């Protein structure tokens, strides 16, 4: 059984490589199967990139909100050099 599978795969590979040599177009089914596999890989990569982008957008938004909000425990800063209330003339 395996011998037949290997033989048929070898024949398919040989047939596909010979098409280019004889300047014959590849059969539509071969082109479709190659494109389908490529589309599946591209779709997975695109899905992963979009998920990462959405995660980073949420993280950036939350960090921006946290950094732009005033601190709750913030005390007014004291000046190092205070001006005296009475001015000397």
PDB file of N, CA and C in Angstrom:
ATOM      1  N   UNK A   1       0.827  -1.191   0.000  1.00  0.00           N
ATOM      2  CA  UNK A   1       0.000   0.000   0.000  1.00  0.00           C
ATOM      3  C   UNK A   1       0.874   1.260   0.000  1.00  0.00           C
ATOM      4  N   UNK A   2       1.886   1.268   0.869  1.00  0.00           N
ATOM      5  CA  UNK A   2       2.771   2.432   0.927  1.00  0.00           C
ATOM      6  C   UNK A   2       3.563   2.584  -0.361  1.00  0.00           C
ATOM      7  N   UNK A   3       3.939   1.492  -0.950  1.00  0.00           N
ATOM      8  CA  UNK A   3       4.689   1.546  -2.198  1.00  0.00           C
ATOM      9  C   UNK A   3       3.895   2.226  -3.292  1.00  0.00           C
ATOM     10  N   UNK A   4       2.587   1.958  -3.322  1.00  0.00           N
ATOM     11  CA  UNK A   4       1.733   2.592  -4.325  1.00  0.00           C
ATOM     12  C   UNK A   4       1.596   4.085  -4.050  1.00  0.00           C
ATOM     13  N   UNK A   5       1.473   4.443  -2.769  1.00  0.00           N
ATOM     14  CA  UNK A   5       1.364   5.860  -2.411  1.00  0.00           C
ATOM     15  C   UNK A   5       2.635   6.608  -2.791  1.00  0.00           C
ATOM     16  N   UNK A   6       3.780   6.018  -2.467  1.00  0.00           N
ATOM     17  CA  UNK A   6       5.051   6.668  -2.800  1.00  0.00           C
ATOM     18  C   UNK A   6       5.219   6.773  -4.305  1.00  0.00           C
ATOM     19  N   UNK A   7       4.824   5.723  -5.011  1.00  0.00           N
ATOM     20  CA  UNK A   7       4.962   5.726  -6.464  1.00  0.00           C
ATOM     21  C   UNK A   7       4.066   6.798  -7.076  1.00  0.00           C
ATOM     22  N   UNK A   8       2.838   6.919  -6.570  1.00  0.00           N
ATOM     23  CA  UNK A   8       1.935   7.931  -7.128  1.00  0.00           C
ATOM     24  C   UNK A   8       2.431   9.343  -6.798  1.00  0.00           C
ATOM     25  N   UNK A   9       2.998   9.538  -5.603  1.00  0.00           N
ATOM     26  CA  UNK A   9       3.551  10.847  -5.253  1.00  0.00           C
ATOM     27  C   UNK A   9       4.746  11.178  -6.132  1.00  0.00           C
ATOM     28  N   UNK A  10       5.592  10.173  -6.370  1.00  0.00           N
ATOM     29  CA  UNK A  10       6.746  10.393  -7.247  1.00  0.00           C
ATOM     30  C   UNK A  10       6.295  10.762  -8.653  1.00  0.00           C
ATOM     31  N   UNK A  11       5.252  10.088  -9.130  1.00  0.00           N
ATOM     32  CA  UNK A  11       4.742  10.383 -10.469  1.00  0.00           C
ATOM     33  C   UNK A  11       4.175  11.794 -10.534  1.00  0.00           C
ATOM     34  N   UNK A  12       3.470  12.201  -9.483  1.00  0.00           N
ATOM     35  CA  UNK A  12       2.912  13.555  -9.450  1.00  0.00           C
ATOM     36  C   UNK A  12       4.026  14.603  -9.438  1.00  0.00           C
ATOM     37  N   UNK A  13       5.052  14.361  -8.633  1.00  0.00           N
ATOM     38  CA  UNK A  13       6.166  15.304  -8.573  1.00  0.00           C
ATOM     39  C   UNK A  13       6.896  15.363  -9.912  1.00  0.00           C
ATOM     40  N   UNK A  14       7.099  14.215 -10.508  1.00  0.00           N
ATOM     41  CA  UNK A  14       7.779  14.169 -11.794  1.00  0.00           C
ATOM     42  C   UNK A  14       6.938  14.881 -12.848  1.00  0.00           C
ATOM     43  N   UNK A  15       5.634  14.638 -12.806  1.00  0.00           N
ATOM     44  CA  UNK A  15       4.753  15.266 -13.786  1.00  0.00           C
ATOM     45  C   UNK A  15       4.769  16.787 -13.622  1.00  0.00           C
ATOM     46  N   UNK A  16       4.747  17.258 -12.378  1.00  0.00           N
ATOM     47  CA  UNK A  16       4.753  18.700 -12.137  1.00  0.00           C
ATOM     48  C   UNK A  16       6.061  19.327 -12.596  1.00  0.00           C
ATOM     49  N   UNK A  17       7.164  18.644 -12.375  1.00  0.00           N
ATOM     50  CA  UNK A  17       8.448  19.213 -12.792  1.00  0.00           C
ATOM     51  C   UNK A  17       8.618  19.170 -14.306  1.00  0.00           C
ATOM     52  N   UNK A  18       8.019  18.196 -14.951  1.00  0.00           N
ATOM     53  CA  UNK A  18       8.138  18.090 -16.405  1.00  0.00           C
ATOM     54  C   UNK A  18       7.289  19.129 -17.132  1.00  0.00           C
ATOM     55  N   UNK A  19       6.244  19.622 -16.492  1.00  0.00           N
ATOM     56  CA  UNK A  19       5.409  20.629 -17.143  1.00  0.00           C
ATOM     57  C   UNK A  19       6.227  21.867 -17.480  1.00  0.00           C
ATOM     58  N   UNK A  20       7.069  22.283 -16.576  1.00  0.00           N
ATOM     59  CA  UNK A  20       7.889  23.458 -16.832  1.00  0.00           C
ATOM     60  C   UNK A  20       8.905  23.233 -17.930  1.00  0.00           C
ATOM     61  N   UNK A  21       9.406  22.036 -18.027  1.00  0.00           N
ATOM     62  CA  UNK A  21      10.415  21.741 -19.046  1.00  0.00           C
ATOM     63  C   UNK A  21       9.822  21.763 -20.446  1.00  0.00           C
ATOM     64  N   UNK A  22       8.597  21.306 -20.557  1.00  0.00           N
ATOM     65  CA  UNK A  22       7.974  21.250 -21.882  1.00  0.00           C
ATOM     66  C   UNK A  22       7.146  22.498 -22.161  1.00  0.00           C
ATOM     67  N   UNK A  23       7.252  23.467 -21.297  1.00  0.00           N
ATOM     68  CA  UNK A  23       6.535  24.737 -21.439  1.00  0.00           C
ATOM     69  C   UNK A  23       5.031  24.543 -21.518  1.00  0.00           C
ATOM     70  N   UNK A  24       4.543  23.554 -20.789  1.00  0.00           N
ATOM     71  CA  UNK A  24       3.098  23.341 -20.705  1.00  0.00           C
ATOM     72  C   UNK A  24       2.617  23.946 -19.392  1.00  0.00           C
ATOM     73  N   UNK A  25       1.439  24.492 -19.400  1.00  0.00           N
ATOM     74  CA  UNK A  25       0.930  25.067 -18.151  1.00  0.00           C
ATOM     75  C   UNK A  25       0.584  23.961 -17.154  1.00  0.00           C
ATOM     76  N   UNK A  26       0.704  24.293 -15.895  1.00  0.00           N
ATOM     77  CA  UNK A  26       0.322  23.340 -14.855  1.00  0.00           C
ATOM     78  C   UNK A  26      -1.189  23.157 -14.885  1.00  0.00           C
ATOM     79  N   UNK A  27      -1.657  21.986 -14.523  1.00  0.00           N
ATOM     80  CA  UNK A  27      -3.105  21.798 -14.476  1.00  0.00           C
ATOM     81  C   UNK A  27      -3.720  22.680 -13.388  1.00  0.00           C
ATOM     82  N   UNK A  28      -4.952  23.060 -13.607  1.00  0.00           N
ATOM     83  CA  UNK A  28      -5.628  23.962 -12.667  1.00  0.00           C
ATOM     84  C   UNK A  28      -5.688  23.382 -11.263  1.00  0.00           C
ATOM     85  N   UNK A  29      -5.868  22.082 -11.148  1.00  0.00           N
ATOM     86  CA  UNK A  29      -5.983  21.469  -9.822  1.00  0.00           C
ATOM     87  C   UNK A  29      -4.676  21.622  -9.045  1.00  0.00           C
ATOM     88  N   UNK A  30      -3.545  21.519  -9.729  1.00  0.00           N
ATOM     89  CA  UNK A  30      -2.246  21.682  -9.059  1.00  0.00           C
ATOM     90  C   UNK A  30      -2.073  23.126  -8.595  1.00  0.00           C
ATOM     91  N   UNK A  31      -2.391  24.064  -9.451  1.00  0.00           N
ATOM     92  CA  UNK A  31      -2.274  25.486  -9.101  1.00  0.00           C
ATOM     93  C   UNK A  31      -3.204  25.810  -7.938  1.00  0.00           C
ATOM     94  N   UNK A  32      -4.422  25.281  -7.987  1.00  0.00           N
ATOM     95  CA  UNK A  32      -5.391  25.542  -6.926  1.00  0.00           C
ATOM     96  C   UNK A  32      -4.902  24.987  -5.590  1.00  0.00           C
ATOM     97  N   UNK A  33      -4.343  23.777  -5.587  1.00  0.00           N
ATOM     98  CA  UNK A  33      -3.895  23.186  -4.325  1.00  0.00           C
ATOM     99  C   UNK A  33      -2.721  23.963  -3.739  1.00  0.00           C
ATOM    100  N   UNK A  34      -1.820  24.431  -4.587  1.00  0.00           N
ATOM    101  CA  UNK A  34      -0.681  25.218  -4.097  1.00  0.00           C
ATOM    102  C   UNK A  34      -1.165  26.555  -3.543  1.00  0.00           C
ATOM    103  N   UNK A  35      -2.087  27.195  -4.246  1.00  0.00           N
ATOM    104  CA  UNK A  35      -2.615  28.474  -3.770  1.00  0.00           C
ATOM    105  C   UNK A  35      -3.402  28.305  -2.476  1.00  0.00           C
ATOM    106  N   UNK A  36      -4.151  27.221  -2.372  1.00  0.00           N
ATOM    107  CA  UNK A  36      -4.936  26.984  -1.166  1.00  0.00           C
ATOM    108  C   UNK A  36      -4.021  26.815   0.043  1.00  0.00           C
ATOM    109  N   UNK A  37      -2.934  26.066  -0.120  1.00  0.00           N
ATOM    110  CA  UNK A  37      -1.987  25.888   0.984  1.00  0.00           C
ATOM    111  C   UNK A  37      -1.340  27.223   1.350  1.00  0.00           C
ATOM    112  N   UNK A  38      -0.978  28.004   0.346  1.00  0.00           N
ATOM    113  CA  UNK A  38      -0.384  29.321   0.609  1.00  0.00           C
ATOM    114  C   UNK A  38      -1.358  30.265   1.285  1.00  0.00           C
ATOM    115  N   UNK A  39      -2.613  30.220   0.857  1.00  0.00           N
ATOM    116  CA  UNK A  39      -3.639  31.059   1.472  1.00  0.00           C
ATOM    117  C   UNK A  39      -3.856  30.680   2.930  1.00  0.00           C
ATOM    118  N   UNK A  40      -3.835  29.388   3.223  1.00  0.00           N
ATOM    119  CA  UNK A  40      -4.029  28.938   4.600  1.00  0.00           C
ATOM    120  C   UNK A  40      -2.892  29.438   5.492  1.00  0.00           C
ATOM    121  N   UNK A  41      -1.663  29.333   5.010  1.00  0.00           N
ATOM    122  CA  UNK A  41      -0.515  29.811   5.788  1.00  0.00           C
ATOM    123  C   UNK A  41      -0.597  31.323   5.991  1.00  0.00           C
ATOM    124  N   UNK A  42      -0.935  32.039   4.923  1.00  0.00           N
ATOM    125  CA  UNK A  42      -1.045  33.496   5.021  1.00  0.00           C
ATOM    126  C   UNK A  42      -2.170  33.887   5.978  1.00  0.00           C
ATOM    127  N   UNK A  43      -3.283  33.166   5.907  1.00  0.00           N
ATOM    128  CA  UNK A  43      -4.404  33.454   6.796  1.00  0.00           C
ATOM    129  C   UNK A  43      -4.037  33.267   8.255  1.00  0.00           C
ATOM    130  N   UNK A  44      -3.297  32.200   8.560  1.00  0.00           N
ATOM    131  CA  UNK A  44      -2.862  31.966   9.937  1.00  0.00           C
ATOM    132  C   UNK A  44      -1.922  33.076  10.406  1.00  0.00           C
ATOM    133  N   UNK A  45      -0.984  33.446   9.551  1.00  0.00           N
ATOM    134  CA  UNK A  45      -0.034  34.497   9.910  1.00  0.00           C
ATOM    135  C   UNK A  45      -0.758  35.827  10.121  1.00  0.00           C
ATOM    136  N   UNK A  46      -1.708  36.127   9.240  1.00  0.00           N
ATOM    137  CA  UNK A  46      -2.468  37.368   9.357  1.00  0.00           C
ATOM    138  C   UNK A  46      -3.304  37.381  10.632  1.00  0.00           C
ATOM    139  N   UNK A  47      -3.919  36.259  10.963  1.00  0.00           N
ATOM    140  CA  UNK A  47      -4.723  36.164  12.184  1.00  0.00           C
ATOM    141  C   UNK A  47      -3.852  36.394  13.418  1.00  0.00           C
ATOM    142  N   UNK A  48      -2.663  35.794  13.432  1.00  0.00           N
ATOM    143  CA  UNK A  48      -1.758  35.970  14.568  1.00  0.00           C
ATOM    144  C   UNK A  48      -1.300  37.418  14.695  1.00  0.00           C
ATOM    145  N   UNK A  49      -0.991  38.049  13.566  1.00  0.00           N
ATOM    146  CA  UNK A  49      -0.539  39.447  13.606  1.00  0.00           C
ATOM    147  C   UNK A  49      -1.649  40.381  14.070  1.00  0.00           C
ATOM    148  N   UNK A  50      -2.872  40.124  13.621  1.00  0.00           N
ATOM    149  CA  UNK A  50      -3.997  40.973  14.051  1.00  0.00           C
ATOM    150  C   UNK A  50      -4.255  40.819  15.543  1.00  0.00           C
ATOM    151  N   UNK A  51      -4.168  39.589  16.040  1.00  0.00           N
ATOM    152  CA  UNK A  51      -4.372  39.367  17.473  1.00  0.00           C
ATOM    153  C   UNK A  51      -3.304  40.096  18.279  1.00  0.00           C
ATOM    154  N   UNK A  52      -2.072  40.039  17.821  1.00  0.00           N
ATOM    155  CA  UNK A  52      -0.985  40.740  18.518  1.00  0.00           C
ATOM    156  C   UNK A  52      -1.193  42.250  18.457  1.00  0.00           C
ATOM    157  N   UNK A  53      -1.627  42.748  17.306  1.00  0.00           N
ATOM    158  CA  UNK A  53      -1.865  44.182  17.169  1.00  0.00           C
ATOM    159  C   UNK A  53      -2.970  44.637  18.121  1.00  0.00           C
ATOM    160  N   UNK A  54      -4.056  43.873  18.205  1.00  0.00           N
ATOM    161  CA  UNK A  54      -5.145  44.248  19.101  1.00  0.00           C
ATOM    162  C   UNK A  54      -4.684  44.233  20.554  1.00  0.00           C
ATOM    163  N   UNK A  55      -3.880  43.242  20.912  1.00  0.00           N
ATOM    164  CA  UNK A  55      -3.362  43.168  22.279  1.00  0.00           C
ATOM    165  C   UNK A  55      -2.487  44.384  22.584  1.00  0.00           C
ATOM    166  N   UNK A  56      -1.603  44.726  21.653  1.00  0.00           N
ATOM    167  CA  UNK A  56      -0.727  45.876  21.873  1.00  0.00           C
ATOM    168  C   UNK A  56      -1.514  47.180  21.931  1.00  0.00           C
ATOM    169  N   UNK A  57      -2.557  47.303  21.107  1.00  0.00           N
ATOM    170  CA  UNK A  57      -3.386  48.515  21.151  1.00  0.00           C
ATOM    171  C   UNK A  57      -4.050  48.668  22.509  1.00  0.00           C
ATOM    172  N   UNK A  58      -4.597  47.569  23.042  1.00  0.00           N
ATOM    173  CA  UNK A  58      -5.230  47.628  24.367  1.00  0.00           C
ATOM    174  C   UNK A  58      -4.210  47.986  25.441  1.00  0.00           C
ATOM    175  N   UNK A  59      -3.026  47.396  25.346  1.00  0.00           N
ATOM    176  CA  UNK A  59      -1.989  47.670  26.338  1.00  0.00           C
ATOM    177  C   UNK A  59      -1.531  49.124  26.272  1.00  0.00           C
ATOM    178  N   UNK A  60      -1.339  49.644  25.078  1.00  0.00           N
ATOM    179  CA  UNK A  60      -0.908  51.035  24.911  1.00  0.00           C
ATOM    180  C   UNK A  60      -1.977  51.991  25.419  1.00  0.00           C
ATOM    181  N   UNK A  61      -3.238  51.689  25.118  1.00  0.00           N
ATOM    182  CA  UNK A  61      -4.335  52.540  25.583  1.00  0.00           C
ATOM    183  C   UNK A  61      -4.396  52.569  27.105  1.00  0.00           C
ATOM    184  N   UNK A  62      -4.274  51.405  27.736  1.00  0.00           N
ATOM    185  CA  UNK A  62      -4.341  51.364  29.200  1.00  0.00           C
ATOM    186  C   UNK A  62      -3.143  52.076  29.827  1.00  0.00           C
ATOM    187  N   UNK A  63      -1.965  51.921  29.235  1.00  0.00           N
ATOM    188  CA  UNK A  63      -0.795  52.629  29.761  1.00  0.00           C
ATOM    189  C   UNK A  63      -0.941  54.138  29.589  1.00  0.00           C
ATOM    190  N   UNK A  64      -1.483  54.561  28.459  1.00  0.00           N
ATOM    191  CA  UNK A  64      -1.701  55.984  28.235  1.00  0.00           C
ATOM    192  C   UNK A  64      -2.671  56.577  29.238  1.00  0.00           C
ATOM    193  N   UNK A  65      -3.746  55.857  29.518  1.00  0.00           N
ATOM    194  CA  UNK A  65      -4.715  56.338  30.508  1.00  0.00           C
ATOM    195  C   UNK A  65      -4.083  56.414  31.888  1.00  0.00           C
ATOM    196  N   UNK A  66      -3.299  55.387  32.223  1.00  0.00           N
ATOM    197  CA  UNK A  66      -2.680  55.358  33.544  1.00  0.00           C
ATOM    198  C   UNK A  66      -1.663  56.483  33.705  1.00  0.00           C
ATOM    199  N   UNK A  67      -0.902  56.751  32.660  1.00  0.00           N
ATOM    200  CA  UNK A  67       0.116  57.792  32.758  1.00  0.00           C
ATOM    201  C   UNK A  67      -0.470  59.200  32.689  1.00  0.00           C
ATOM    202  N   UNK A  68      -1.585  59.370  32.011  1.00  0.00           N
ATOM    203  CA  UNK A  68      -2.167  60.705  31.895  1.00  0.00           C
ATOM    204  C   UNK A  68      -3.008  61.079  33.108  1.00  0.00           C
ATOM    205  N   UNK A  69      -3.428  60.112  33.896  1.00  0.00           N
ATOM    206  CA  UNK A  69      -4.227  60.398  35.089  1.00  0.00           C
ATOM    207  C   UNK A  69      -3.303  60.909  36.196  1.00  0.00           C
ATOM    208  N   UNK A  70      -3.763  61.906  36.942  1.00  0.00           N
ATOM    209  CA  UNK A  70      -2.926  62.397  38.049  1.00  0.00           C
ATOM    210  C   UNK A  70      -2.851  61.337  39.149  1.00  0.00           C
ATOM    211  N   UNK A  71      -1.755  61.362  39.851  1.00  0.00           N
ATOM    212  CA  UNK A  71      -1.588  60.399  40.934  1.00  0.00           C
ATOM    213  C   UNK A  71      -2.507  60.765  42.090  1.00  0.00           C
ATOM    214  N   UNK A  72      -3.134  59.786  42.707  1.00  0.00           N
ATOM    215  CA  UNK A  72      -4.065  60.040  43.801  1.00  0.00           C
ATOM    216  C   UNK A  72      -3.320  60.479  45.058  1.00  0.00           C
ATOM    217  N   UNK A  73      -2.149  59.950  45.283  1.00  0.00           N
ATOM    218  CA  UNK A  73      -1.412  60.275  46.506  1.00  0.00           C
ATOM    219  C   UNK A  73      -0.400  61.398  46.290  1.00  0.00           C
ATOM    220  N   UNK A  74      -0.571  62.147  45.245  1.00  0.00           N
ATOM    221  CA  UNK A  74       0.389  63.210  44.936  1.00  0.00           C
ATOM    222  C   UNK A  74       0.192  64.387  45.886  1.00  0.00           C
ATOM    223  N   UNK A  75       1.288  64.831  46.490  1.00  0.00           N
ATOM    224  CA  UNK A  75       1.247  65.988  47.387  1.00  0.00           C
ATOM    225  C   UNK A  75       1.753  67.199  46.619  1.00  0.00           C
ATOM    226  N   UNK A  76       1.271  68.362  46.966  1.00  0.00           N
ATOM    227  CA  UNK A  76       1.803  69.550  46.294  1.00  0.00           C
ATOM    228  C   UNK A  76       3.293  69.690  46.610  1.00  0.00           C
ATOM    229  N   UNK A  77       4.026  70.054  45.616  1.00  0.00           N
ATOM    230  CA  UNK A  77       5.472  70.169  45.805  1.00  0.00           C
ATOM    231  C   UNK A  77       5.808  71.429  46.593  1.00  0.00           C
ATOM    232  N   UNK A  78       6.783  71.271  47.482  1.00  0.00           N
ATOM    233  CA  UNK A  78       7.262  72.422  48.245  1.00  0.00           C
ATOM    234  C   UNK A  78       8.427  73.024  47.497  1.00  0.00           C
ATOM    235  N   UNK A  79       8.472  74.311  47.528  1.00  0.00           N
ATOM    236  CA  UNK A  79       9.578  75.001  46.874  1.00  0.00           C
ATOM    237  C   UNK A  79      10.797  74.966  47.775  1.00  0.00           C
ATOM    238  N   UNK A  80      11.928  74.901  47.153  1.00  0.00           N
ATOM    239  CA  UNK A  80      13.169  74.912  47.922  1.00  0.00           C
ATOM    240  C   UNK A  80      13.458  76.316  48.461  1.00  0.00           C
ATOM    241  N   UNK A  81      13.242  77.286  47.641  1.00  0.00           N
ATOM    242  CA  UNK A  81      13.527  78.656  48.054  1.00  0.00           C
ATOM    243  C   UNK A  81      12.207  79.412  48.088  1.00  0.00           C
ATOM    244  N   UNK A  82      11.758  79.689  49.297  1.00  0.00           N
ATOM    245  CA  UNK A  82      10.506  80.423  49.430  1.00  0.00           C
ATOM    246  C   UNK A  82      10.804  81.910  49.476  1.00  0.00           C
ATOM    247  N   UNK A  83       9.900  82.626  48.909  1.00  0.00           N
ATOM    248  CA  UNK A  83      10.009  84.076  49.023  1.00  0.00           C
ATOM    249  C   UNK A  83       9.400  84.483  50.354  1.00  0.00           C
ATOM    250  N   UNK A  84      10.066  85.351  51.005  1.00  0.00           N
ATOM    251  CA  UNK A  84       9.531  85.786  52.297  1.00  0.00           C
ATOM    252  C   UNK A  84       8.336  86.707  52.062  1.00  0.00           C
ATOM    253  N   UNK A  85       7.420  86.672  52.989  1.00  0.00           N
ATOM    254  CA  UNK A  85       6.214  87.480  52.865  1.00  0.00           C
ATOM    255  C   UNK A  85       6.547  88.962  52.962  1.00  0.00           C
ATOM    256  N   UNK A  86       7.557  89.288  53.752  1.00  0.00           N
ATOM    257  CA  UNK A  86       7.949  90.692  53.872  1.00  0.00           C
ATOM    258  C   UNK A  86       9.165  90.924  53.001  1.00  0.00           C
ATOM    259  N   UNK A  87       9.065  91.926  52.210  1.00  0.00           N
ATOM    260  CA  UNK A  87      10.184  92.251  51.334  1.00  0.00           C
ATOM    261  C   UNK A  87      11.036  93.314  52.007  1.00  0.00           C
ATOM    262  N   UNK A  88      12.300  93.107  51.978  1.00  0.00           N
ATOM    263  CA  UNK A  88      13.184  94.129  52.550  1.00  0.00           C
ATOM    264  C   UNK A  88      13.556  95.124  51.456  1.00  0.00           C
ATOM    265  N   UNK A  89      13.561  96.390  51.842  1.00  0.00           N
ATOM    266  CA  UNK A  89      13.815  97.436  50.865  1.00  0.00           C
ATOM    267  C   UNK A  89      15.220  97.862  50.802  1.00  0.00           C
TER     268      UNK A  89
END
